[in-house]
PDB file of N, CA and C in Angstrom:
ATOM      1  N   MET A   1      14.386   0.623  33.682  1.00  0.00           N
ATOM      2  CA  MET A   1      13.057   0.014  33.422  1.00  0.00           C
ATOM      3  C   MET A   1      13.391  -1.087  32.359  1.00  0.00           C
ATOM      4  N   ASP A   2      12.630  -2.343  32.534  1.00  0.00           N
ATOM      5  CA  ASP A   2      12.825  -3.290  31.659  1.00  0.00           C
ATOM      6  C   ASP A   2      11.762  -3.230  30.528  1.00  0.00           C
ATOM      7  N   GLU A   3      12.165  -2.791  29.436  1.00  0.00           N
ATOM      8  CA  GLU A   3      11.063  -2.799  28.333  1.00  0.00           C
ATOM      9  C   GLU A   3      10.952  -4.153  27.678  1.00  0.00           C
ATOM     10  N   LYS A   4       9.726  -4.547  27.457  1.00  0.00           N
ATOM     11  CA  LYS A   4       9.464  -5.765  26.694  1.00  0.00           C
ATOM     12  C   LYS A   4       9.290  -5.432  25.176  1.00  0.00           C
ATOM     13  N   ASN A   5       9.776  -6.488  24.512  1.00  0.00           N
ATOM     14  CA  ASN A   5       9.686  -6.409  23.053  1.00  0.00           C
ATOM     15  C   ASN A   5       8.257  -6.535  22.597  1.00  0.00           C
ATOM     16  N   HIS A   6       7.841  -5.648  21.592  1.00  0.00           N
ATOM     17  CA  HIS A   6       6.697  -5.895  20.953  1.00  0.00           C
ATOM     18  C   HIS A   6       6.592  -7.129  20.206  1.00  0.00           C
ATOM     19  N   TRP A   7       5.412  -7.743  19.893  1.00  0.00           N
ATOM     20  CA  TRP A   7       5.445  -8.976  19.034  1.00  0.00           C
ATOM     21  C   TRP A   7       5.929  -8.686  17.646  1.00  0.00           C
ATOM     22  N   LEU A   8       5.751  -7.617  17.221  1.00  0.00           N
ATOM     23  CA  LEU A   8       6.188  -7.249  15.832  1.00  0.00           C
ATOM     24  C   LEU A   8       7.608  -7.160  15.723  1.00  0.00           C
ATOM     25  N   ASP A   9       8.327  -7.051  16.840  1.00  0.00           N
ATOM     26  CA  ASP A   9       9.859  -6.979  16.832  1.00  0.00           C
ATOM     27  C   ASP A   9      10.452  -8.233  16.529  1.00  0.00           C
ATOM     28  N   GLN A  10       9.795  -9.403  16.514  1.00  0.00           N
ATOM     29  CA  GLN A  10      10.412 -10.615  16.146  1.00  0.00           C
ATOM     30  C   GLN A  10      10.162 -10.850  14.812  1.00  0.00           C
ATOM     31  N   PRO A  11      11.314 -11.247  13.954  1.00  0.00           N
ATOM     32  CA  PRO A  11      11.307 -11.500  12.645  1.00  0.00           C
ATOM     33  C   PRO A  11      10.372 -12.588  12.187  1.00  0.00           C
ATOM     34  N   ARG A  12      10.219 -13.578  12.942  1.00  0.00           N
ATOM     35  CA  ARG A  12       9.204 -14.721  12.614  1.00  0.00           C
ATOM     36  C   ARG A  12       7.763 -14.337  12.496  1.00  0.00           C
ATOM     37  N   HIS A  13       7.448 -13.279  13.310  1.00  0.00           N
ATOM     38  CA  HIS A  13       6.062 -12.929  13.174  1.00  0.00           C
ATOM     39  C   HIS A  13       5.949 -11.893  11.905  1.00  0.00           C
ATOM     40  N   ILE A  14       6.884 -11.142  11.606  1.00  0.00           N
ATOM     41  CA  ILE A  14       6.867 -10.317  10.501  1.00  0.00           C
ATOM     42  C   ILE A  14       6.707 -11.261   9.135  1.00  0.00           C
ATOM     43  N   LYS A  15       7.472 -12.330   9.135  1.00  0.00           N
ATOM     44  CA  LYS A  15       7.410 -13.338   7.985  1.00  0.00           C
ATOM     45  C   LYS A  15       6.158 -14.056   8.029  1.00  0.00           C
ATOM     46  N   LEU A  16       5.566 -14.213   9.068  1.00  0.00           N
ATOM     47  CA  LEU A  16       4.313 -14.935   9.121  1.00  0.00           C
ATOM     48  C   LEU A  16       3.106 -13.892   8.699  1.00  0.00           C
ATOM     49  N   LEU A  17       3.210 -12.692   9.024  1.00  0.00           N
ATOM     50  CA  LEU A  17       2.392 -11.596   8.475  1.00  0.00           C
ATOM     51  C   LEU A  17       2.539 -11.555   6.910  1.00  0.00           C
ATOM     52  N   TRP A  18       3.693 -11.397   6.405  1.00  0.00           N
ATOM     53  CA  TRP A  18       3.816 -11.257   5.010  1.00  0.00           C
ATOM     54  C   TRP A  18       3.265 -12.442   4.181  1.00  0.00           C
ATOM     55  N   ARG A  19       3.426 -13.729   4.951  1.00  0.00           N
ATOM     56  CA  ARG A  19       2.867 -14.852   4.230  1.00  0.00           C
ATOM     57  C   ARG A  19       1.266 -14.801   4.149  1.00  0.00           C
ATOM     58  N   GLY A  20       0.841 -14.316   5.390  1.00  0.00           N
ATOM     59  CA  GLY A  20      -0.724 -14.140   5.377  1.00  0.00           C
ATOM     60  C   GLY A  20      -1.245 -13.193   4.663  1.00  0.00           C
ATOM     61  N   PHE A  21      -0.621 -12.178   4.427  1.00  0.00           N
ATOM     62  CA  PHE A  21      -1.016 -11.031   3.441  1.00  0.00           C
ATOM     63  C   PHE A  21      -1.019 -11.604   1.969  1.00  0.00           C
ATOM     64  N   LEU A  22       0.043 -12.052   1.636  1.00  0.00           N
ATOM     65  CA  LEU A  22       0.258 -12.630   0.354  1.00  0.00           C
ATOM     66  C   LEU A  22      -0.804 -13.741  -0.062  1.00  0.00           C
ATOM     67  N   LEU A  23      -1.144 -14.538   1.015  1.00  0.00           N
ATOM     68  CA  LEU A  23      -2.106 -15.535   0.687  1.00  0.00           C
ATOM     69  C   LEU A  23      -3.445 -14.956   0.524  1.00  0.00           C
ATOM     70  N   ALA A  24      -3.783 -13.905   1.402  1.00  0.00           N
ATOM     71  CA  ALA A  24      -5.049 -13.193   1.229  1.00  0.00           C
ATOM     72  C   ALA A  24      -5.172 -12.555  -0.214  1.00  0.00           C
ATOM     73  N   LEU A  25      -4.041 -11.968  -0.706  1.00  0.00           N
ATOM     74  CA  LEU A  25      -4.005 -11.351  -2.020  1.00  0.00           C
ATOM     75  C   LEU A  25      -4.332 -12.394  -3.071  1.00  0.00           C
ATOM     76  N   VAL A  26      -3.590 -13.464  -3.076  1.00  0.00           N
ATOM     77  CA  VAL A  26      -3.754 -14.652  -3.932  1.00  0.00           C
ATOM     78  C   VAL A  26      -5.165 -15.216  -4.031  1.00  0.00           C
ATOM     79  N   LEU A  27      -5.806 -15.392  -2.742  1.00  0.00           N
ATOM     80  CA  LEU A  27      -7.022 -15.815  -2.675  1.00  0.00           C
ATOM     81  C   LEU A  27      -8.136 -14.839  -3.251  1.00  0.00           C
ATOM     82  N   THR A  28      -7.823 -13.543  -3.057  1.00  0.00           N
ATOM     83  CA  THR A  28      -8.682 -12.525  -3.715  1.00  0.00           C
ATOM     84  C   THR A  28      -8.695 -12.580  -5.031  1.00  0.00           C
ATOM     85  N   VAL A  29      -7.534 -12.793  -5.603  1.00  0.00           N
ATOM     86  CA  VAL A  29      -7.537 -12.666  -7.066  1.00  0.00           C
ATOM     87  C   VAL A  29      -8.082 -14.018  -7.651  1.00  0.00           C
ATOM     88  N   LEU A  30      -7.890 -15.202  -7.017  1.00  0.00           N
ATOM     89  CA  LEU A  30      -8.430 -16.352  -7.352  1.00  0.00           C
ATOM     90  C   LEU A  30      -9.906 -16.511  -7.285  1.00  0.00           C
ATOM     91  N   ALA A  31     -10.572 -15.728  -6.386  1.00  0.00           N
ATOM     92  CA  ALA A  31     -12.005 -15.596  -6.121  1.00  0.00           C
ATOM     93  C   ALA A  31     -12.785 -15.057  -7.511  1.00  0.00           C
ATOM     94  N   GLU A  32     -11.938 -14.490  -8.303  1.00  0.00           N
ATOM     95  CA  GLU A  32     -12.439 -13.993  -9.660  1.00  0.00           C
ATOM     96  C   GLU A  32     -13.064 -15.075 -10.318  1.00  0.00           C
ATOM     97  N   PHE A  33     -12.655 -16.378 -10.128  1.00  0.00           N
ATOM     98  CA  PHE A  33     -13.163 -17.676 -10.776  1.00  0.00           C
ATOM     99  C   PHE A  33     -14.633 -17.866 -10.254  1.00  0.00           C
ATOM    100  N   LEU A  34     -14.841 -17.469  -9.046  1.00  0.00           N
ATOM    101  CA  LEU A  34     -16.161 -17.863  -8.327  1.00  0.00           C
ATOM    102  C   LEU A  34     -17.279 -16.924  -8.681  1.00  0.00           C
ATOM    103  N   VAL A  35     -16.873 -15.635  -9.003  1.00  0.00           N
ATOM    104  CA  VAL A  35     -17.639 -14.588  -9.010  1.00  0.00           C
ATOM    105  C   VAL A  35     -17.988 -14.117 -10.565  1.00  0.00           C
ATOM    106  N   SER A  36     -19.185 -14.119 -10.931  1.00  0.00           N
ATOM    107  CA  SER A  36     -19.441 -13.610 -12.300  1.00  0.00           C
ATOM    108  C   SER A  36     -19.168 -12.158 -12.389  1.00  0.00           C
ATOM    109  N   MET A  37     -18.331 -11.786 -13.356  1.00  0.00           N
ATOM    110  CA  MET A  37     -17.941 -10.344 -13.554  1.00  0.00           C
ATOM    111  C   MET A  37     -18.935  -9.777 -14.633  1.00  0.00           C
ATOM    112  N   HIS A  38     -19.293  -8.587 -14.404  1.00  0.00           N
ATOM    113  CA  HIS A  38     -20.047  -7.811 -15.488  1.00  0.00           C
ATOM    114  C   HIS A  38     -19.315  -6.621 -15.899  1.00  0.00           C
ATOM    115  N   PRO A  39     -18.214  -6.734 -16.716  1.00  0.00           N
ATOM    116  CA  PRO A  39     -17.414  -5.683 -17.114  1.00  0.00           C
ATOM    117  C   PRO A  39     -18.111  -4.558 -18.035  1.00  0.00           C
ATOM    118  N   HIS A  40     -17.820  -3.365 -17.784  1.00  0.00           N
ATOM    119  CA  HIS A  40     -18.372  -2.343 -18.617  1.00  0.00           C
ATOM    120  C   HIS A  40     -17.509  -2.083 -19.786  1.00  0.00           C
ATOM    121  N   PHE A  41     -16.214  -2.344 -19.727  1.00  0.00           N
ATOM    122  CA  PHE A  41     -15.140  -2.031 -20.754  1.00  0.00           C
ATOM    123  C   PHE A  41     -14.537  -3.317 -20.971  1.00  0.00           C
ATOM    124  N   ALA A  42     -13.861  -3.572 -22.237  1.00  0.00           N
ATOM    125  CA  ALA A  42     -13.295  -4.774 -22.621  1.00  0.00           C
ATOM    126  C   ALA A  42     -12.078  -4.945 -21.782  1.00  0.00           C
ATOM    127  N   ILE A  43     -11.359  -3.935 -21.213  1.00  0.00           N
ATOM    128  CA  ILE A  43     -10.219  -4.276 -20.374  1.00  0.00           C
ATOM    129  C   ILE A  43     -10.463  -4.767 -19.049  1.00  0.00           C
ATOM    130  N   GLU A  44     -11.702  -4.687 -18.647  1.00  0.00           N
ATOM    131  CA  GLU A  44     -12.050  -5.259 -17.357  1.00  0.00           C
ATOM    132  C   GLU A  44     -12.371  -6.588 -17.401  1.00  0.00           C
ATOM    133  N   SER A  45     -12.368  -7.243 -18.626  1.00  0.00           N
ATOM    134  CA  SER A  45     -12.626  -8.652 -18.578  1.00  0.00           C
ATOM    135  C   SER A  45     -11.350  -9.437 -18.489  1.00  0.00           C
ATOM    136  N   VAL A  46     -10.130  -8.735 -18.507  1.00  0.00           N
ATOM    137  CA  VAL A  46      -8.908  -9.483 -18.290  1.00  0.00           C
ATOM    138  C   VAL A  46      -8.683  -9.963 -16.988  1.00  0.00           C
ATOM    139  N   PHE A  47      -8.143 -11.289 -16.891  1.00  0.00           N
ATOM    140  CA  PHE A  47      -8.121 -11.877 -15.540  1.00  0.00           C
ATOM    141  C   PHE A  47      -7.269 -11.024 -14.579  1.00  0.00           C
ATOM    142  N   GLY A  48      -7.533 -10.881 -13.480  1.00  0.00           N
ATOM    143  CA  GLY A  48      -6.867  -9.994 -12.497  1.00  0.00           C
ATOM    144  C   GLY A  48      -6.797  -8.559 -12.694  1.00  0.00           C
ATOM    145  N   PHE A  49      -7.710  -8.040 -13.434  1.00  0.00           N
ATOM    146  CA  PHE A  49      -7.658  -6.674 -13.724  1.00  0.00           C
ATOM    147  C   PHE A  49      -7.803  -5.771 -12.513  1.00  0.00           C
ATOM    148  N   ASN A  50      -8.805  -6.059 -11.593  1.00  0.00           N
ATOM    149  CA  ASN A  50      -8.822  -5.199 -10.418  1.00  0.00           C
ATOM    150  C   ASN A  50      -7.634  -5.223  -9.656  1.00  0.00           C
ATOM    151  N   ALA A  51      -6.704  -6.346  -9.575  1.00  0.00           N
ATOM    152  CA  ALA A  51      -5.574  -6.441  -8.753  1.00  0.00           C
ATOM    153  C   ALA A  51      -4.577  -5.510  -9.348  1.00  0.00           C
ATOM    154  N   TRP A  52      -4.268  -5.746 -10.588  1.00  0.00           N
ATOM    155  CA  TRP A  52      -3.040  -4.965 -11.208  1.00  0.00           C
ATOM    156  C   TRP A  52      -3.473  -3.556 -11.521  1.00  0.00           C
ATOM    157  N   PHE A  53      -4.930  -3.233 -11.684  1.00  0.00           N
ATOM    158  CA  PHE A  53      -5.178  -1.783 -11.809  1.00  0.00           C
ATOM    159  C   PHE A  53      -5.125  -1.074 -10.478  1.00  0.00           C
ATOM    160  N   GLY A  54      -5.355  -1.895  -9.273  1.00  0.00           N
ATOM    161  CA  GLY A  54      -5.343  -1.188  -8.069  1.00  0.00           C
ATOM    162  C   GLY A  54      -3.768  -1.090  -7.701  1.00  0.00           C
ATOM    163  N   LEU A  55      -2.887  -1.962  -7.966  1.00  0.00           N
ATOM    164  CA  LEU A  55      -1.505  -1.724  -7.740  1.00  0.00           C
ATOM    165  C   LEU A  55      -1.101  -0.486  -8.514  1.00  0.00           C
ATOM    166  N   LEU A  56      -1.393  -0.502  -9.770  1.00  0.00           N
ATOM    167  CA  LEU A  56      -0.911   0.699 -10.607  1.00  0.00           C
ATOM    168  C   LEU A  56      -1.394   2.057 -10.138  1.00  0.00           C
ATOM    169  N   MET A  57      -2.679   2.178  -9.688  1.00  0.00           N
ATOM    170  CA  MET A  57      -3.116   3.371  -9.185  1.00  0.00           C
ATOM    171  C   MET A  57      -2.514   3.775  -7.888  1.00  0.00           C
ATOM    172  N   CYS A  58      -2.282   2.680  -7.087  1.00  0.00           N
ATOM    173  CA  CYS A  58      -1.533   2.954  -5.798  1.00  0.00           C
ATOM    174  C   CYS A  58      -0.263   3.593  -5.966  1.00  0.00           C
ATOM    175  N   ALA A  59       0.432   2.915  -6.948  1.00  0.00           N
ATOM    176  CA  ALA A  59       1.784   3.501  -7.200  1.00  0.00           C
ATOM    177  C   ALA A  59       1.603   5.031  -7.849  1.00  0.00           C
ATOM    178  N   PHE A  60       0.726   5.089  -8.755  1.00  0.00           N
ATOM    179  CA  PHE A  60       0.576   6.331  -9.255  1.00  0.00           C
ATOM    180  C   PHE A  60       0.178   7.511  -8.257  1.00  0.00           C
ATOM    181  N   LEU A  61      -0.627   7.149  -7.257  1.00  0.00           N
ATOM    182  CA  LEU A  61      -0.911   8.144  -6.229  1.00  0.00           C
ATOM    183  C   LEU A  61       0.195   8.570  -5.317  1.00  0.00           C
ATOM    184  N   ALA A  62       1.010   7.467  -5.114  1.00  0.00           N
ATOM    185  CA  ALA A  62       2.203   7.633  -4.217  1.00  0.00           C
ATOM    186  C   ALA A  62       3.226   8.648  -4.924  1.00  0.00           C
ATOM    187  N   VAL A  63       3.410   8.471  -6.295  1.00  0.00           N
ATOM    188  CA  VAL A  63       4.205   9.355  -7.065  1.00  0.00           C
ATOM    189  C   VAL A  63       3.609  10.958  -7.153  1.00  0.00           C
ATOM    190  N   ILE A  64       2.266  10.931  -7.210  1.00  0.00           N
ATOM    191  CA  ILE A  64       1.767  12.199  -7.170  1.00  0.00           C
ATOM    192  C   ILE A  64       1.916  12.887  -5.744  1.00  0.00           C
ATOM    193  N   ALA A  65       1.707  12.084  -4.641  1.00  0.00           N
ATOM    194  CA  ALA A  65       1.898  12.560  -3.231  1.00  0.00           C
ATOM    195  C   ALA A  65       3.419  13.133  -3.131  1.00  0.00           C
ATOM    196  N   MET A  66       4.268  12.358  -3.659  1.00  0.00           N
ATOM    197  CA  MET A  66       5.726  12.806  -3.521  1.00  0.00           C
ATOM    198  C   MET A  66       5.914  14.130  -4.275  1.00  0.00           C
ATOM    199  N   GLY A  67       5.204  14.323  -5.554  1.00  0.00           N
ATOM    200  CA  GLY A  67       5.321  15.649  -6.154  1.00  0.00           C
ATOM    201  C   GLY A  67       4.639  16.635  -5.283  1.00  0.00           C
ATOM    202  N   LEU A  68       3.565  16.389  -4.734  1.00  0.00           N
ATOM    203  CA  LEU A  68       2.906  17.503  -3.960  1.00  0.00           C
ATOM    204  C   LEU A  68       3.730  17.783  -2.743  1.00  0.00           C
ATOM    205  N   ALA A  69       4.297  16.864  -2.134  1.00  0.00           N
ATOM    206  CA  ALA A  69       5.220  17.268  -0.997  1.00  0.00           C
ATOM    207  C   ALA A  69       6.323  18.013  -1.506  1.00  0.00           C
ATOM    208  N   GLN A  70       6.892  17.880  -2.676  1.00  0.00           N
ATOM    209  CA  GLN A  70       8.054  18.850  -3.092  1.00  0.00           C
ATOM    210  C   GLN A  70       7.336  20.196  -3.408  1.00  0.00           C
ATOM    211  N   VAL A  71       6.177  20.433  -3.805  1.00  0.00           N
ATOM    212  CA  VAL A  71       5.631  21.575  -4.177  1.00  0.00           C
ATOM    213  C   VAL A  71       5.152  22.367  -2.896  1.00  0.00           C
ATOM    214  N   LEU A  72       4.475  21.619  -1.983  1.00  0.00           N
ATOM    215  CA  LEU A  72       3.872  22.228  -0.889  1.00  0.00           C
ATOM    216  C   LEU A  72       4.757  22.392   0.393  1.00  0.00           C
ATOM    217  N   LYS A  73       6.043  21.739   0.379  1.00  0.00           N
ATOM    218  CA  LYS A  73       6.890  21.869   1.593  1.00  0.00           C
ATOM    219  C   LYS A  73       7.352  23.350   1.987  1.00  0.00           C
ATOM    220  N   ARG A  74       7.561  23.507   3.165  1.00  0.00           N
ATOM    221  CA  ARG A  74       7.985  24.775   3.690  1.00  0.00           C
ATOM    222  C   ARG A  74       9.424  24.739   4.073  1.00  0.00           C
ATOM    223  N   PRO A  75      10.084  25.688   4.099  1.00  0.00           N
ATOM    224  CA  PRO A  75      11.519  25.721   4.440  1.00  0.00           C
ATOM    225  C   PRO A  75      11.695  25.483   6.143  1.00  0.00           C
ATOM    226  N   ASP A  76      12.777  25.061   6.500  1.00  0.00           N
ATOM    227  CA  ASP A  76      12.951  24.823   7.965  1.00  0.00           C
ATOM    228  C   ASP A  76      12.790  26.031   8.729  1.00  0.00           C
ATOM    229  N   THR A  77      12.975  27.236   8.100  1.00  0.00           N
ATOM    230  CA  THR A  77      12.883  28.425   8.967  1.00  0.00           C
ATOM    231  C   THR A  77      11.588  29.143   8.655  1.00  0.00           C
ATOM    232  N   TYR A  78      10.640  28.498   8.334  1.00  0.00           N
ATOM    233  CA  TYR A  78       9.271  29.060   8.051  1.00  0.00           C
ATOM    234  C   TYR A  78       8.740  29.856   9.358  1.00  0.00           C
ATOM    235  N   TYR A  79       8.677  29.311  10.325  1.00  0.00           N
ATOM    236  CA  TYR A  79       8.151  29.767  11.705  1.00  0.00           C
ATOM    237  C   TYR A  79       9.162  30.574  12.309  1.00  0.00           C
ATOM    238  N   GLY A  80      10.387  30.957  11.784  1.00  0.00           N
ATOM    239  CA  GLY A  80      11.325  31.880  12.498  1.00  0.00           C
ATOM    240  C   GLY A  80      12.458  30.949  12.967  1.00  0.00           C
ATOM    241  N   LYS A  81      13.495  31.567  13.465  1.00  0.00           N
ATOM    242  CA  LYS A  81      14.791  30.953  14.008  1.00  0.00           C
ATOM    243  C   LYS A  81      14.507  30.405  15.338  1.00  0.00           C
ATOM    244  N   ASP A  82      15.050  29.206  15.544  1.00  0.00           N
ATOM    245  CA  ASP A  82      15.016  28.578  16.875  1.00  0.00           C
ATOM    246  C   ASP A  82      15.723  29.489  18.011  1.00  0.00           C
ATOM    247  N   ASN A  83      15.205  29.737  19.085  1.00  0.00           N
ATOM    248  CA  ASN A  83      15.873  30.449  20.211  1.00  0.00           C
ATOM    249  C   ASN A  83      16.672  29.369  21.135  1.00  0.00           C
ATOM    250  N   ASP A  84      17.864  29.024  20.545  1.00  0.00           N
ATOM    251  CA  ASP A  84      18.753  28.199  21.402  1.00  0.00           C
ATOM    252  C   ASP A  84      19.601  28.860  22.251  1.00  0.00           C
TER     253      ASP A  84
END
């Protein structure tokens, strides 16, 4: 069977996607100049607060998930031995 490559298998498409995503992130942060912010706390008035806070919380949740995976994982033999 002749398998066709997916369009994401080509490095030029991956590079194009990265550039597009980075452009979208930069435009989102720069949009803060166009929107009037109404911060409830002083730290929220720092430029780009929502961007870096989101990044830090995402990293924090990833660390929590890795910790939970270590606590909740089951041994390979949990369901019994394989009948090979």
